[in-house]
C-alpha atoms as a PDB file:
ATOM      1  CA  UNK A   1       6.888  34.966 -11.197  1.00  0.00           C
ATOM      2  CA  UNK A   2       7.652  35.233  -7.330  1.00  0.00           C
ATOM      3  CA  UNK A   3       4.759  33.924  -6.424  1.00  0.00           C
ATOM      4  CA  UNK A   4       5.259  30.680  -8.542  1.00  0.00           C
ATOM      5  CA  UNK A   5       8.585  30.446  -6.911  1.00  0.00           C
ATOM      6  CA  UNK A   6       7.324  30.863  -3.725  1.00  0.00           C
ATOM      7  CA  UNK A   7       4.765  27.998  -3.792  1.00  0.00           C
ATOM      8  CA  UNK A   8       7.229  25.809  -5.023  1.00  0.00           C
ATOM      9  CA  UNK A   9       9.128  26.758  -2.271  1.00  0.00           C
ATOM     10  CA  UNK A  10       6.682  25.803   0.676  1.00  0.00           C
ATOM     11  CA  UNK A  11       6.778  22.305   0.896  1.00  0.00           C
ATOM     12  CA  UNK A  12      10.616  22.503   1.270  1.00  0.00           C
ATOM     13  CA  UNK A  13      10.397  25.308   3.691  1.00  0.00           C
ATOM     14  CA  UNK A  14       7.671  23.542   5.924  1.00  0.00           C
ATOM     15  CA  UNK A  15       9.984  19.961   5.590  1.00  0.00           C
ATOM     16  CA  UNK A  16      12.755  22.564   7.282  1.00  0.00           C
ATOM     17  CA  UNK A  17      10.707  24.191   9.366  1.00  0.00           C
ATOM     18  CA  UNK A  18       9.350  20.568  11.015  1.00  0.00           C
ATOM     19  CA  UNK A  19      13.155  19.401  11.222  1.00  0.00           C
ATOM     20  CA  UNK A  20      14.324  22.369  12.785  1.00  0.00           C
ATOM     21  CA  UNK A  21      11.205  21.922  15.646  1.00  0.00           C
ATOM     22  CA  UNK A  22      12.144  18.007  15.874  1.00  0.00           C
ATOM     23  CA  UNK A  23      15.894  19.044  16.112  1.00  0.00           C
ATOM     24  CA  UNK A  24      15.269  21.271  18.746  1.00  0.00           C
ATOM     25  CA  UNK A  25      12.473  19.515  21.015  1.00  0.00           C
ATOM     26  CA  UNK A  26      14.989  16.937  22.407  1.00  0.00           C
ATOM     27  CA  UNK A  27      17.948  19.244  22.656  1.00  0.00           C
ATOM     28  CA  UNK A  28      15.962  21.420  24.793  1.00  0.00           C
ATOM     29  CA  UNK A  29      15.042  19.044  26.732  1.00  0.00           C
ATOM     30  CA  UNK A  30      11.182  18.825  26.113  1.00  0.00           C
ATOM     31  CA  UNK A  31      11.525  15.265  25.683  1.00  0.00           C
ATOM     32  CA  UNK A  32      14.032  12.591  26.452  1.00  0.00           C
ATOM     33  CA  UNK A  33      16.469  11.608  23.382  1.00  0.00           C
ATOM     34  CA  UNK A  34      16.336   8.035  23.733  1.00  0.00           C
ATOM     35  CA  UNK A  35      12.628   8.140  23.159  1.00  0.00           C
ATOM     36  CA  UNK A  36      12.454  10.910  20.965  1.00  0.00           C
ATOM     37  CA  UNK A  37      15.879  10.919  18.366  1.00  0.00           C
ATOM     38  CA  UNK A  38      16.854  14.113  16.704  1.00  0.00           C
ATOM     39  CA  UNK A  39      17.367  14.319  12.777  1.00  0.00           C
ATOM     40  CA  UNK A  40      21.075  14.466  13.356  1.00  0.00           C
ATOM     41  CA  UNK A  41      21.216  11.114  15.342  1.00  0.00           C
ATOM     42  CA  UNK A  42      19.734   9.343  12.222  1.00  0.00           C
ATOM     43  CA  UNK A  43      22.652   8.812   9.738  1.00  0.00           C
ATOM     44  CA  UNK A  44      24.703   7.159  12.505  1.00  0.00           C
ATOM     45  CA  UNK A  45      21.807   4.949  13.014  1.00  0.00           C
ATOM     46  CA  UNK A  46      21.372   4.100   9.204  1.00  0.00           C
ATOM     47  CA  UNK A  47      25.032   3.509   8.845  1.00  0.00           C
ATOM     48  CA  UNK A  48      25.398   1.071  11.176  1.00  0.00           C
ATOM     49  CA  UNK A  49      21.934  -1.067  10.366  1.00  0.00           C
ATOM     50  CA  UNK A  50      23.679  -0.764   6.579  1.00  0.00           C
ATOM     51  CA  UNK A  51      27.312  -2.044   7.703  1.00  0.00           C
ATOM     52  CA  UNK A  52      26.799  -4.729   9.554  1.00  0.00           C
ATOM     53  CA  UNK A  53      23.682  -5.952   6.815  1.00  0.00           C
ATOM     54  CA  UNK A  54      20.715  -6.138   8.903  1.00  0.00           C
ATOM     55  CA  UNK A  55      19.520  -2.889   6.585  1.00  0.00           C
ATOM     56  CA  UNK A  56      19.311  -4.773   3.351  1.00  0.00           C
ATOM     57  CA  UNK A  57      18.573  -8.281   4.695  1.00  0.00           C
ATOM     58  CA  UNK A  58      15.497  -6.633   6.557  1.00  0.00           C
ATOM     59  CA  UNK A  59      14.670  -4.459   3.307  1.00  0.00           C
ATOM     60  CA  UNK A  60      14.830  -7.499   1.007  1.00  0.00           C
ATOM     61  CA  UNK A  61      12.662  -9.849   3.434  1.00  0.00           C
ATOM     62  CA  UNK A  62       9.874  -7.164   3.731  1.00  0.00           C
ATOM     63  CA  UNK A  63       9.832  -6.118  -0.373  1.00  0.00           C
ATOM     64  CA  UNK A  64       9.605 -10.255  -1.102  1.00  0.00           C
ATOM     65  CA  UNK A  65       6.244  -9.918   1.836  1.00  0.00           C
ATOM     66  CA  UNK A  66       5.256  -7.054   0.036  1.00  0.00           C
ATOM     67  CA  UNK A  67       5.611  -7.492  -3.526  1.00  0.00           C
ATOM     68  CA  UNK A  68       3.397 -10.901  -3.113  1.00  0.00           C
ATOM     69  CA  UNK A  69       0.964  -9.966  -0.810  1.00  0.00           C
ATOM     70  CA  UNK A  70      -0.012  -6.959  -3.436  1.00  0.00           C
ATOM     71  CA  UNK A  71       0.162  -9.489  -6.048  1.00  0.00           C
ATOM     72  CA  UNK A  72      -2.545 -11.278  -4.461  1.00  0.00           C
ATOM     73  CA  UNK A  73      -4.234  -9.383  -2.720  1.00  0.00           C
ATOM     74  CA  UNK A  74      -4.230  -7.374  -5.908  1.00  0.00           C
ATOM     75  CA  UNK A  75      -5.202  -9.926  -8.268  1.00  0.00           C
ATOM     76  CA  UNK A  76      -8.189 -11.620  -5.526  1.00  0.00           C
ATOM     77  CA  UNK A  77      -9.111  -8.000  -5.307  1.00  0.00           C
ATOM     78  CA  UNK A  78      -9.427  -7.400  -9.114  1.00  0.00           C
ATOM     79  CA  UNK A  79     -10.971 -10.796  -9.791  1.00  0.00           C
ATOM     80  CA  UNK A  80     -14.001 -10.990  -7.601  1.00  0.00           C
ATOM     81  CA  UNK A  81     -14.796  -7.319  -8.290  1.00  0.00           C
ATOM     82  CA  UNK A  82     -15.231  -7.703 -11.744  1.00  0.00           C
ATOM     83  CA  UNK A  83     -16.885 -10.717 -11.419  1.00  0.00           C
ATOM     84  CA  UNK A  84     -19.308  -9.030  -8.928  1.00  0.00           C
ATOM     85  CA  UNK A  85     -19.496  -5.552 -10.535  1.00  0.00           C
ATOM     86  CA  UNK A  86     -20.518  -7.698 -13.917  1.00  0.00           C
ATOM     87  CA  UNK A  87     -23.278 -10.755 -12.633  1.00  0.00           C
ATOM     88  CA  UNK A  88     -25.729  -9.787 -10.264  1.00  0.00           C
ATOM     89  CA  UNK A  89     -26.133 -12.986  -8.591  1.00  0.00           C
ATOM     90  CA  UNK A  90     -22.603 -12.868  -7.817  1.00  0.00           C
ATOM     91  CA  UNK A  91     -22.829  -9.487  -5.999  1.00  0.00           C
ATOM     92  CA  UNK A  92     -25.803 -10.787  -4.133  1.00  0.00           C
ATOM     93  CA  UNK A  93     -23.806 -14.163  -2.890  1.00  0.00           C
ATOM     94  CA  UNK A  94     -20.756 -11.836  -1.614  1.00  0.00           C
ATOM     95  CA  UNK A  95     -23.160  -9.158  -0.129  1.00  0.00           C
ATOM     96  CA  UNK A  96     -23.216 -10.106   3.320  1.00  0.00           C
ATOM     97  CA  UNK A  97     -20.072 -11.855   3.578  1.00  0.00           C
ATOM     98  CA  UNK A  98     -18.243  -8.345   2.681  1.00  0.00           C
ATOM     99  CA  UNK A  99     -19.924  -6.708   5.454  1.00  0.00           C
ATOM    100  CA  UNK A 100     -19.003  -8.993   7.909  1.00  0.00           C
ATOM    101  CA  UNK A 101     -15.630  -9.655   7.040  1.00  0.00           C
ATOM    102  CA  UNK A 102     -14.349  -5.579   5.710  1.00  0.00           C
ATOM    103  CA  UNK A 103     -14.167  -3.955   9.052  1.00  0.00           C
ATOM    104  CA  UNK A 104     -11.825  -7.001  10.712  1.00  0.00           C
ATOM    105  CA  UNK A 105      -8.589  -5.267  10.486  1.00  0.00           C
ATOM    106  CA  UNK A 106      -5.267  -7.033   9.214  1.00  0.00           C
ATOM    107  CA  UNK A 107      -4.177  -7.470  12.977  1.00  0.00           C
ATOM    108  CA  UNK A 108      -6.909  -9.512  13.702  1.00  0.00           C
ATOM    109  CA  UNK A 109      -6.184 -12.004  11.539  1.00  0.00           C
ATOM    110  CA  UNK A 110      -2.465 -12.611  12.863  1.00  0.00           C
ATOM    111  CA  UNK A 111      -3.822 -15.466  15.395  1.00  0.00           C
ATOM    112  CA  UNK A 112      -4.899 -17.072  12.450  1.00  0.00           C
ATOM    113  CA  UNK A 113      -2.172 -16.405   9.999  1.00  0.00           C
ATOM    114  CA  UNK A 114      -0.133 -18.029  12.635  1.00  0.00           C
ATOM    115  CA  UNK A 115      -2.413 -21.029  13.447  1.00  0.00           C
ATOM    116  CA  UNK A 116      -2.543 -21.609   9.668  1.00  0.00           C
ATOM    117  CA  UNK A 117       0.805 -20.530   8.652  1.00  0.00           C
ATOM    118  CA  UNK A 118       2.988 -20.352  11.281  1.00  0.00           C
ATOM    119  CA  UNK A 119       5.700 -18.374  12.158  1.00  0.00           C
ATOM    120  CA  UNK A 120       6.237 -17.689   8.391  1.00  0.00           C
ATOM    121  CA  UNK A 121       6.533 -16.144   5.226  1.00  0.00           C
ATOM    122  CA  UNK A 122       3.611 -17.537   3.674  1.00  0.00           C
ATOM    123  CA  UNK A 123       1.440 -16.093   7.105  1.00  0.00           C
ATOM    124  CA  UNK A 124       3.059 -12.202   6.313  1.00  0.00           C
ATOM    125  CA  UNK A 125       2.088 -12.447   2.369  1.00  0.00           C
ATOM    126  CA  UNK A 126      -1.637 -13.956   3.909  1.00  0.00           C
ATOM    127  CA  UNK A 127      -1.832 -10.508   6.256  1.00  0.00           C
ATOM    128  CA  UNK A 128      -0.539  -8.050   3.291  1.00  0.00           C
ATOM    129  CA  UNK A 129      -2.888  -9.685   0.736  1.00  0.00           C
ATOM    130  CA  UNK A 130      -6.156  -9.476   3.302  1.00  0.00           C
ATOM    131  CA  UNK A 131      -5.221  -5.662   3.716  1.00  0.00           C
ATOM    132  CA  UNK A 132      -4.815  -5.203  -0.085  1.00  0.00           C
ATOM    133  CA  UNK A 133      -7.832  -6.761  -0.962  1.00  0.00           C
ATOM    134  CA  UNK A 134     -10.642  -4.784   0.125  1.00  0.00           C
ATOM    135  CA  UNK A 135      -9.368  -1.556  -1.124  1.00  0.00           C
ATOM    136  CA  UNK A 136      -8.360  -3.103  -4.640  1.00  0.00           C
ATOM    137  CA  UNK A 137     -12.149  -5.431  -4.194  1.00  0.00           C
ATOM    138  CA  UNK A 138     -14.290  -2.234  -3.869  1.00  0.00           C
ATOM    139  CA  UNK A 139     -12.333  -0.004  -6.322  1.00  0.00           C
ATOM    140  CA  UNK A 140     -12.990  -2.758  -8.717  1.00  0.00           C
ATOM    141  CA  UNK A 141     -16.517  -3.177  -8.352  1.00  0.00           C
ATOM    142  CA  UNK A 142     -17.522   0.373  -8.202  1.00  0.00           C
ATOM    143  CA  UNK A 143     -15.269   0.804 -11.653  1.00  0.00           C
ATOM    144  CA  UNK A 144     -17.387  -1.920 -13.266  1.00  0.00           C
ATOM    145  CA  UNK A 145     -20.311  -0.532 -12.105  1.00  0.00           C
ATOM    146  CA  UNK A 146     -19.991   2.648 -13.232  1.00  0.00           C
ATOM    147  CA  UNK A 147     -19.228   1.793 -16.631  1.00  0.00           C
ATOM    148  CA  UNK A 148     -21.759   3.570 -19.133  1.00  0.00           C
ATOM    149  CA  UNK A 149     -24.898   1.021 -20.047  1.00  0.00           C
ATOM    150  CA  UNK A 150     -24.966   2.548 -23.163  1.00  0.00           C
ATOM    151  CA  UNK A 151     -21.461   1.660 -24.204  1.00  0.00           C
ATOM    152  CA  UNK A 152     -22.539  -1.956 -23.241  1.00  0.00           C
ATOM    153  CA  UNK A 153     -25.624  -1.520 -25.500  1.00  0.00           C
ATOM    154  CA  UNK A 154     -23.426  -0.302 -27.851  1.00  0.00           C
ATOM    155  CA  UNK A 155     -21.416  -3.011 -27.769  1.00  0.00           C
ATOM    156  CA  UNK A 156     -23.936  -5.668 -27.968  1.00  0.00           C
ATOM    157  CA  UNK A 157     -25.155  -3.955 -31.329  1.00  0.00           C
ATOM    158  CA  UNK A 158     -21.821  -4.837 -32.713  1.00  0.00           C
ATOM    159  CA  UNK A 159     -21.820  -8.237 -32.198  1.00  0.00           C
ATOM    160  CA  UNK A 160     -19.644  -8.291 -28.453  1.00  0.00           C
ATOM    161  CA  UNK A 161     -22.388 -10.656 -27.234  1.00  0.00           C
ATOM    162  CA  UNK A 162     -20.416 -12.624 -24.621  1.00  0.00           C
ATOM    163  CA  UNK A 163     -19.431 -11.478 -20.995  1.00  0.00           C
ATOM    164  CA  UNK A 164     -15.757 -12.104 -21.903  1.00  0.00           C
ATOM    165  CA  UNK A 165     -15.970 -10.020 -24.931  1.00  0.00           C
ATOM    166  CA  UNK A 166     -17.526  -7.198 -23.719  1.00  0.00           C
ATOM    167  CA  UNK A 167     -15.108  -7.214 -20.777  1.00  0.00           C
ATOM    168  CA  UNK A 168     -12.313  -7.070 -22.483  1.00  0.00           C
ATOM    169  CA  UNK A 169     -13.433  -4.753 -25.279  1.00  0.00           C
ATOM    170  CA  UNK A 170     -15.406  -2.339 -23.434  1.00  0.00           C
ATOM    171  CA  UNK A 171     -15.441  -2.133 -19.664  1.00  0.00           C
ATOM    172  CA  UNK A 172     -12.169  -2.971 -19.207  1.00  0.00           C
ATOM    173  CA  UNK A 173     -10.857  -0.244 -20.846  1.00  0.00           C
ATOM    174  CA  UNK A 174     -13.532   2.307 -19.328  1.00  0.00           C
ATOM    175  CA  UNK A 175     -13.497   0.809 -15.983  1.00  0.00           C
ATOM    176  CA  UNK A 176      -9.295   0.884 -15.795  1.00  0.00           C
ATOM    177  CA  UNK A 177      -8.882   4.432 -14.232  1.00  0.00           C
ATOM    178  CA  UNK A 178     -11.432   3.598 -11.351  1.00  0.00           C
ATOM    179  CA  UNK A 179      -9.072   0.350 -10.729  1.00  0.00           C
ATOM    180  CA  UNK A 180      -5.855   2.182 -10.780  1.00  0.00           C
ATOM    181  CA  UNK A 181      -6.952   4.318  -8.025  1.00  0.00           C
ATOM    182  CA  UNK A 182      -7.979   1.615  -6.037  1.00  0.00           C
ATOM    183  CA  UNK A 183      -4.326   0.111  -6.907  1.00  0.00           C
ATOM    184  CA  UNK A 184      -2.716   3.178  -6.052  1.00  0.00           C
ATOM    185  CA  UNK A 185      -4.028   3.284  -3.016  1.00  0.00           C
ATOM    186  CA  UNK A 186      -3.149  -0.165  -1.953  1.00  0.00           C
ATOM    187  CA  UNK A 187       0.343   0.573  -2.618  1.00  0.00           C
ATOM    188  CA  UNK A 188       0.386   2.336   0.635  1.00  0.00           C
ATOM    189  CA  UNK A 189      -1.887   0.366   2.812  1.00  0.00           C
ATOM    190  CA  UNK A 190       0.447  -2.698   1.551  1.00  0.00           C
ATOM    191  CA  UNK A 191       3.311  -1.025   2.978  1.00  0.00           C
ATOM    192  CA  UNK A 192       1.213  -0.291   6.779  1.00  0.00           C
ATOM    193  CA  UNK A 193       0.591  -3.691   6.479  1.00  0.00           C
ATOM    194  CA  UNK A 194       4.186  -5.549   6.279  1.00  0.00           C
ATOM    195  CA  UNK A 195       4.429  -3.839   9.797  1.00  0.00           C
ATOM    196  CA  UNK A 196       1.629  -6.012  11.069  1.00  0.00           C
ATOM    197  CA  UNK A 197       2.385  -8.811   8.734  1.00  0.00           C
ATOM    198  CA  UNK A 198       6.184  -8.757  10.431  1.00  0.00           C
ATOM    199  CA  UNK A 199       4.835  -8.590  14.173  1.00  0.00           C
ATOM    200  CA  UNK A 200       4.970 -12.080  15.041  1.00  0.00           C
ATOM    201  CA  UNK A 201       8.209 -12.613  13.840  1.00  0.00           C
ATOM    202  CA  UNK A 202       8.771 -13.051  10.425  1.00  0.00           C
ATOM    203  CA  UNK A 203      12.208 -11.383   9.476  1.00  0.00           C
ATOM    204  CA  UNK A 204      11.928  -7.818   7.695  1.00  0.00           C
ATOM    205  CA  UNK A 205      11.595  -4.173   8.546  1.00  0.00           C
ATOM    206  CA  UNK A 206       8.693  -4.674  10.766  1.00  0.00           C
ATOM    207  CA  UNK A 207      10.351  -7.515  13.092  1.00  0.00           C
ATOM    208  CA  UNK A 208      13.028  -5.097  13.098  1.00  0.00           C
ATOM    209  CA  UNK A 209      11.553  -2.203  14.417  1.00  0.00           C
ATOM    210  CA  UNK A 210      10.164  -3.805  17.060  1.00  0.00           C
ATOM    211  CA  UNK A 211      13.207  -5.488  18.095  1.00  0.00           C
ATOM    212  CA  UNK A 212      15.190  -2.054  17.878  1.00  0.00           C
ATOM    213  CA  UNK A 213      11.745  -0.183  20.107  1.00  0.00           C
ATOM    214  CA  UNK A 214      12.478  -3.134  22.707  1.00  0.00           C
ATOM    215  CA  UNK A 215      16.090  -2.067  23.237  1.00  0.00           C
ATOM    216  CA  UNK A 216      14.867   1.897  23.262  1.00  0.00           C
ATOM    217  CA  UNK A 217      16.530   2.055  20.363  1.00  0.00           C
ATOM    218  CA  UNK A 218      14.693   4.764  18.642  1.00  0.00           C
ATOM    219  CA  UNK A 219      16.981   6.177  16.253  1.00  0.00           C
ATOM    220  CA  UNK A 220      17.151   2.911  14.576  1.00  0.00           C
ATOM    221  CA  UNK A 221      13.020   2.523  14.925  1.00  0.00           C
ATOM    222  CA  UNK A 222      12.998   6.151  12.661  1.00  0.00           C
ATOM    223  CA  UNK A 223      15.268   4.724  10.297  1.00  0.00           C
ATOM    224  CA  UNK A 224      13.057   1.799   8.937  1.00  0.00           C
ATOM    225  CA  UNK A 225      10.084   4.187   9.297  1.00  0.00           C
ATOM    226  CA  UNK A 226      12.110   6.473   6.997  1.00  0.00           C
ATOM    227  CA  UNK A 227      12.942   3.414   4.846  1.00  0.00           C
ATOM    228  CA  UNK A 228       9.419   2.535   4.187  1.00  0.00           C
ATOM    229  CA  UNK A 229       8.558   6.137   3.458  1.00  0.00           C
ATOM    230  CA  UNK A 230      10.786   6.430   1.145  1.00  0.00           C
ATOM    231  CA  UNK A 231       9.831   3.047  -0.797  1.00  0.00           C
ATOM    232  CA  UNK A 232       6.095   3.900  -0.995  1.00  0.00           C
ATOM    233  CA  UNK A 233       7.804   7.169  -2.283  1.00  0.00           C
ATOM    234  CA  UNK A 234       9.267   5.565  -4.957  1.00  0.00           C
ATOM    235  CA  UNK A 235       6.785   3.125  -5.661  1.00  0.00           C
ATOM    236  CA  UNK A 236       4.085   5.922  -6.118  1.00  0.00           C
ATOM    237  CA  UNK A 237       5.898   7.815  -8.050  1.00  0.00           C
ATOM    238  CA  UNK A 238       6.647   4.923 -10.744  1.00  0.00           C
ATOM    239  CA  UNK A 239       3.218   4.117 -10.609  1.00  0.00           C
ATOM    240  CA  UNK A 240       1.731   7.328 -11.375  1.00  0.00           C
ATOM    241  CA  UNK A 241       4.389   7.922 -14.021  1.00  0.00           C
ATOM    242  CA  UNK A 242       2.883   4.145 -15.511  1.00  0.00           C
ATOM    243  CA  UNK A 243      -0.264   4.734 -15.101  1.00  0.00           C
ATOM    244  CA  UNK A 244      -0.014   7.939 -17.217  1.00  0.00           C
ATOM    245  CA  UNK A 245       1.860   6.127 -19.994  1.00  0.00           C
ATOM    246  CA  UNK A 246      -1.089   3.459 -20.318  1.00  0.00           C
ATOM    247  CA  UNK A 247      -3.916   5.960 -20.148  1.00  0.00           C
ATOM    248  CA  UNK A 248      -2.156   8.044 -22.042  1.00  0.00           C
ATOM    249  CA  UNK A 249      -5.254   7.078 -24.827  1.00  0.00           C
ATOM    250  CA  UNK A 250      -7.573   9.555 -22.547  1.00  0.00           C
ATOM    251  CA  UNK A 251      -8.460  13.030 -23.568  1.00  0.00           C
ATOM    252  CA  UNK A 252      -6.774  15.540 -21.351  1.00  0.00           C
END
């Protein structure tokens, strides 16, 4: 019983120790407070951003970019992953394209986003979609390819002869856990892409962080970093809850 309580308290102890060291470093003069704000500086900075409406506006804009980019990127990734996973011709056609484009980071697409879409929300959504697409695509492709061939043969024996019937009745149910793993990873990647997507002036959390950093307002920068971390934590918890409900048919 005692060991169980200690194990449950360890994460809290670790967090408190981290915050204590963080608070102590600037106060002891080991780092300039303008470059490394203390945790005790953050509530005041957050209340300033909240009271003048900047935090709410930036949050709303980024959530819109995030949700739309995640939807577009994940939708395209799932669709193409299913297509290439089910049909060898499609896989062959896309094989070298994916090898060429996959290593390119999201930041590399920023100049093209500006040229194609201008400094607009469409450009931000494009950057986020690129970051999400490859994660979901490869997760979906791998999940479809790993479906037991015996299941497909049984489905054909029961009359599910068309590709659409095999997909709906057999392959998607079997591949769903693998696809969901990719989607969960994409939730975090999308938030990382938000900063890159808003670097070129599109209003949101990322652009506000860049404005604050240019003014050496590092306490505000950390506030928005923690905002993103909190949002991701909430979304990940909700996703895990939804995943458990969706896959409750699976044996434990």
